[in-house]
N, C-alpha and C. Protein backbone atom coordinates (compact mmCIF):
# COMPACT_ATOMS: atom_id res chain seq x y z
N UNK A 1 122.97 117.09 96.03
CA UNK A 1 121.76 116.64 95.76
C UNK A 1 120.78 117.57 96.39
N UNK A 2 119.66 118.14 95.70
CA UNK A 2 118.90 118.96 97.27
C UNK A 2 117.98 118.31 97.42
N UNK A 3 117.35 118.48 98.38
CA UNK A 3 117.02 117.02 99.82
C UNK A 3 114.69 117.16 98.64
N UNK A 4 114.94 118.18 98.50
CA UNK A 4 113.32 118.07 97.39
C UNK A 4 113.25 116.63 96.52
N UNK A 5 113.74 116.57 96.17
CA UNK A 5 114.25 116.08 94.46
C UNK A 5 114.32 114.05 95.47
N UNK A 6 115.13 113.77 96.52
CA UNK A 6 116.11 113.18 97.29
C UNK A 6 114.44 112.76 97.50
N UNK A 7 113.58 113.78 98.51
CA UNK A 7 112.76 112.51 98.16
C UNK A 7 111.61 111.87 97.46
N UNK A 8 111.63 113.08 96.74
CA UNK A 8 110.42 112.51 95.62
C UNK A 8 110.95 110.69 95.14
N UNK A 9 112.40 111.05 94.90
CA UNK A 9 112.78 110.15 94.49
C UNK A 9 112.45 108.81 95.25
N UNK A 10 113.04 108.89 97.29
CA UNK A 10 112.95 108.11 97.57
C UNK A 10 110.79 107.77 97.31
N UNK A 11 110.20 108.66 97.18
CA UNK A 11 109.05 107.67 97.26
C UNK A 11 108.32 107.78 95.95
N UNK A 12 109.30 107.58 94.58
CA UNK A 12 108.79 106.96 93.98
C UNK A 12 109.20 105.85 93.79
N UNK A 13 110.80 105.76 94.96
CA UNK A 13 111.20 103.82 94.61
C UNK A 13 110.14 103.41 95.95
N UNK A 14 109.36 103.65 96.57
CA UNK A 14 108.75 102.71 97.56
C UNK A 14 107.55 102.86 97.30
N UNK A 15 106.94 103.78 95.92
CA UNK A 15 105.93 103.34 95.53
C UNK A 15 106.12 102.70 94.80
N UNK A 16 106.96 101.73 94.04
CA UNK A 16 107.57 101.66 92.73
C UNK A 16 107.02 101.99 91.17
N UNK A 17 107.15 102.77 91.85
CA UNK A 17 106.87 103.95 90.19
C UNK A 17 107.75 103.76 89.42
N UNK A 18 108.08 104.37 87.98
CA UNK A 18 108.79 105.00 87.10
C UNK A 18 109.37 106.54 86.85
N UNK A 19 109.74 106.97 86.56
CA UNK A 19 109.86 108.33 86.64
C UNK A 19 108.50 109.22 85.32
N UNK A 20 108.47 108.12 84.85
CA UNK A 20 107.12 108.40 83.60
C UNK A 20 105.78 108.62 84.33
N UNK A 21 105.79 107.79 85.69
CA UNK A 21 104.71 107.26 86.00
C UNK A 21 104.48 108.64 87.11
N UNK A 22 105.14 108.83 87.84
CA UNK A 22 106.08 110.20 89.15
C UNK A 22 105.55 111.33 88.45
N UNK A 23 106.15 111.14 87.46
CA UNK A 23 106.06 112.58 86.76
C UNK A 23 104.56 112.83 86.12
N UNK A 24 103.29 111.52 86.05
CA UNK A 24 102.78 112.18 85.06
C UNK A 24 101.76 112.97 86.53
N UNK A 25 101.69 111.35 87.21
CA UNK A 25 101.32 112.40 89.41
C UNK A 25 101.25 113.48 89.99
N UNK A 26 102.55 113.86 89.04
CA UNK A 26 102.97 114.88 89.64
C UNK A 26 103.31 116.48 89.03
N UNK A 27 102.47 115.73 87.11
CA UNK A 27 102.46 117.20 86.21
C UNK A 27 103.32 117.45 85.73
N UNK A 28 104.30 116.83 86.07
CA UNK A 28 105.47 117.03 84.95
C UNK A 28 106.16 116.28 83.45
N UNK A 29 107.17 116.31 82.81
CA UNK A 29 107.68 115.19 82.41
C UNK A 29 108.80 114.66 83.19
N UNK A 30 108.83 113.75 82.72
CA UNK A 30 110.32 112.90 82.94
C UNK A 30 111.47 113.25 82.94
N UNK A 31 111.39 114.42 82.15
CA UNK A 31 113.21 114.89 82.50
C UNK A 31 113.43 115.35 83.72
N UNK A 32 112.04 117.05 83.56
CA UNK A 32 112.21 117.36 84.86
C UNK A 32 112.17 116.75 85.84
N UNK A 33 111.30 115.59 86.47
CA UNK A 33 111.64 114.93 87.31
C UNK A 33 113.04 114.62 87.52
N UNK A 34 113.73 113.83 86.54
CA UNK A 34 114.53 113.58 86.18
C UNK A 34 115.93 114.34 87.48
N UNK A 35 115.36 115.48 86.71
CA UNK A 35 116.39 116.57 86.75
C UNK A 35 117.04 117.11 88.45
N UNK A 36 115.44 117.64 88.71
CA UNK A 36 114.73 117.59 90.09
C UNK A 36 115.68 116.55 91.81
N UNK A 37 115.85 114.43 90.68
CA UNK A 37 115.91 113.73 91.53
C UNK A 37 117.01 113.56 91.23
N UNK A 38 118.03 114.47 90.40
CA UNK A 38 119.52 114.01 90.58
C UNK A 38 120.61 115.52 91.24
N UNK A 39 119.25 116.05 91.09
CA UNK A 39 120.14 117.34 91.69
C UNK A 39 120.67 118.49 90.76
N UNK A 40 120.37 117.85 89.68
CA UNK A 40 121.03 119.41 88.33
C UNK A 40 119.98 121.25 88.42
N UNK A 41 118.64 120.92 88.72
CA UNK A 41 117.21 121.38 89.28
C UNK A 41 116.74 121.14 90.55
N UNK A 42 116.22 122.25 90.90
CA UNK A 42 115.85 122.56 92.38
C UNK A 42 114.33 122.68 91.54
N UNK A 43 113.00 121.79 92.59
CA UNK A 43 112.01 122.02 91.82
C UNK A 43 110.96 123.62 92.70
N UNK A 44 110.14 124.59 91.58
CA UNK A 44 110.28 125.63 91.61
C UNK A 44 109.07 125.37 91.80
N UNK A 45 108.06 125.15 93.26
CA UNK A 45 105.79 125.73 92.69
C UNK A 45 105.60 125.79 93.60
N UNK A 46 104.48 125.72 93.19
CA UNK A 46 103.62 126.38 94.19
C UNK A 46 103.44 125.79 95.87
N UNK A 47 102.99 126.61 96.15
CA UNK A 47 101.62 126.16 97.78
C UNK A 47 100.79 125.07 96.61
N UNK A 48 99.92 125.72 95.40
CA UNK A 48 98.73 124.97 95.80
C UNK A 48 99.84 123.42 94.85
N UNK A 49 100.79 123.48 94.41
CA UNK A 49 101.47 122.77 93.85
C UNK A 49 101.76 121.80 94.96
N UNK A 50 102.14 122.35 95.69
CA UNK A 50 102.39 121.97 96.68
C UNK A 50 101.49 120.89 97.58
N UNK A 51 100.14 121.25 97.96
CA UNK A 51 99.67 120.73 98.60
C UNK A 51 99.02 119.44 97.50
N UNK A 52 98.33 119.70 96.77
CA UNK A 52 98.84 118.94 95.08
C UNK A 52 99.08 117.77 95.64
N UNK A 53 100.28 117.79 95.74
CA UNK A 53 101.28 116.59 95.65
C UNK A 53 101.32 115.45 96.43
N UNK A 54 101.10 116.81 98.07
CA UNK A 54 100.49 115.60 99.18
C UNK A 54 100.05 114.78 99.46
N UNK A 55 98.94 115.68 98.38
CA UNK A 55 97.15 114.64 98.41
C UNK A 55 97.06 113.58 97.21
N UNK A 56 98.45 114.00 96.08
CA UNK A 56 97.96 113.01 95.39
C UNK A 56 99.23 111.41 96.09
N UNK A 57 100.19 111.92 96.89
CA UNK A 57 101.65 111.01 97.10
C UNK A 57 101.17 110.39 99.12
N UNK A 58 99.99 111.15 99.09
CA UNK A 58 99.13 110.88 100.42
C UNK A 58 100.35 110.99 102.26
N UNK A 59 100.63 111.78 101.55
CA UNK A 59 101.69 112.69 102.43
C UNK A 59 101.62 113.79 103.84
N UNK A 60 101.63 113.88 104.62
CA UNK A 60 101.48 115.20 104.93
C UNK A 60 102.17 115.81 105.07
N UNK A 61 101.85 116.96 104.58
CA UNK A 61 102.52 117.85 104.59
C UNK A 61 103.23 119.16 105.46
N UNK A 62 103.30 119.08 106.72
CA UNK A 62 104.49 119.30 107.54
C UNK A 62 104.70 118.51 108.22
N UNK A 63 104.67 117.13 107.31
CA UNK A 63 105.81 116.17 107.57
C UNK A 63 107.21 116.33 107.12
N UNK A 64 106.49 116.83 105.53
CA UNK A 64 107.80 116.79 104.57
C UNK A 64 108.53 118.35 104.58
N UNK A 65 107.85 119.53 105.17
CA UNK A 65 107.93 120.56 105.52
C UNK A 65 109.19 120.63 106.66
N UNK A 66 108.63 118.91 107.29
CA UNK A 66 109.91 119.58 108.95
C UNK A 66 111.76 118.04 108.81
N UNK A 67 110.83 117.45 107.28
CA UNK A 67 111.67 117.09 106.55
C UNK A 67 112.73 117.38 106.67
N UNK A 68 111.86 118.66 105.33
CA UNK A 68 112.89 119.18 104.40
C UNK A 68 114.25 120.60 104.75
N UNK A 69 113.25 121.16 106.41
CA UNK A 69 114.03 122.08 107.34
C UNK A 69 114.76 121.02 107.69
N UNK A 70 115.10 119.97 108.53
CA UNK A 70 116.00 118.96 109.24
C UNK A 70 117.14 119.05 108.53
N UNK A 71 116.80 118.57 106.66
CA UNK A 71 117.75 118.16 106.47
C UNK A 71 118.77 119.78 105.85
N UNK A 72 117.62 120.79 106.49
CA UNK A 72 118.76 122.09 105.12
C UNK A 72 119.63 122.29 106.59
N UNK A 73 118.95 122.40 108.04
CA UNK A 73 119.79 121.92 109.28
C UNK A 73 121.46 121.41 109.45
N UNK A 74 121.34 120.16 108.91
CA UNK A 74 122.38 119.21 109.26
C UNK A 74 123.15 120.17 107.93
N UNK A 75 123.23 119.98 107.13
CA UNK A 75 123.49 120.37 106.33
C UNK A 75 124.03 122.16 106.10
N UNK A 76 124.13 122.97 106.22
CA UNK A 76 124.92 124.21 106.96
C UNK A 76 125.53 123.70 108.33
N UNK A 77 124.72 123.55 109.22
CA UNK A 77 126.35 122.57 110.10
C UNK A 77 127.16 122.40 110.13
N UNK A 78 127.54 121.34 108.66
CA UNK A 78 128.51 120.63 107.53
C UNK A 78 129.01 121.07 107.85
N UNK A 79 128.45 122.52 106.73
CA UNK A 79 129.52 123.15 106.25
C UNK A 79 130.10 124.53 107.45
N UNK A 80 129.23 124.72 108.72
CA UNK A 80 129.62 125.40 109.26
C UNK A 80 130.92 124.59 109.90
N UNK A 81 130.83 123.56 110.06
CA UNK A 81 131.96 122.54 110.46
C UNK A 81 132.93 122.01 109.81
N UNK A 82 133.16 123.13 108.41
CA UNK A 82 134.60 122.86 107.56
C UNK A 82 135.16 124.22 108.21
N UNK A 83 134.67 125.06 107.86
CA UNK A 83 135.13 126.71 108.11
C UNK A 83 136.32 126.76 109.24
C-alpha cells in the first residue's frame, strides 16, 4: 500500500467520514479515493492541491512531508535488508 493512500485512509477514519464525504472534500471521486486507499493507484496531485487538502483537513504540510519521507525511508531500508 502507498503511504499517501494510507495517510488519507487514517485521516478519513479519524474524522469519521465516508469515502464519499472525504472524496468530495478533496475534489475527487470516491472511486479514485478508494484506489488511493487500497494502493492500486498513487495520488498524482499538484502542490496547489496538496496545500489545499492540507488546509481543508487542517493538517500541517511539513508534518505530512516528514511523515511520508520517513515511511519511504523505512520501506527502502526493509528492501535493502532483504538483499
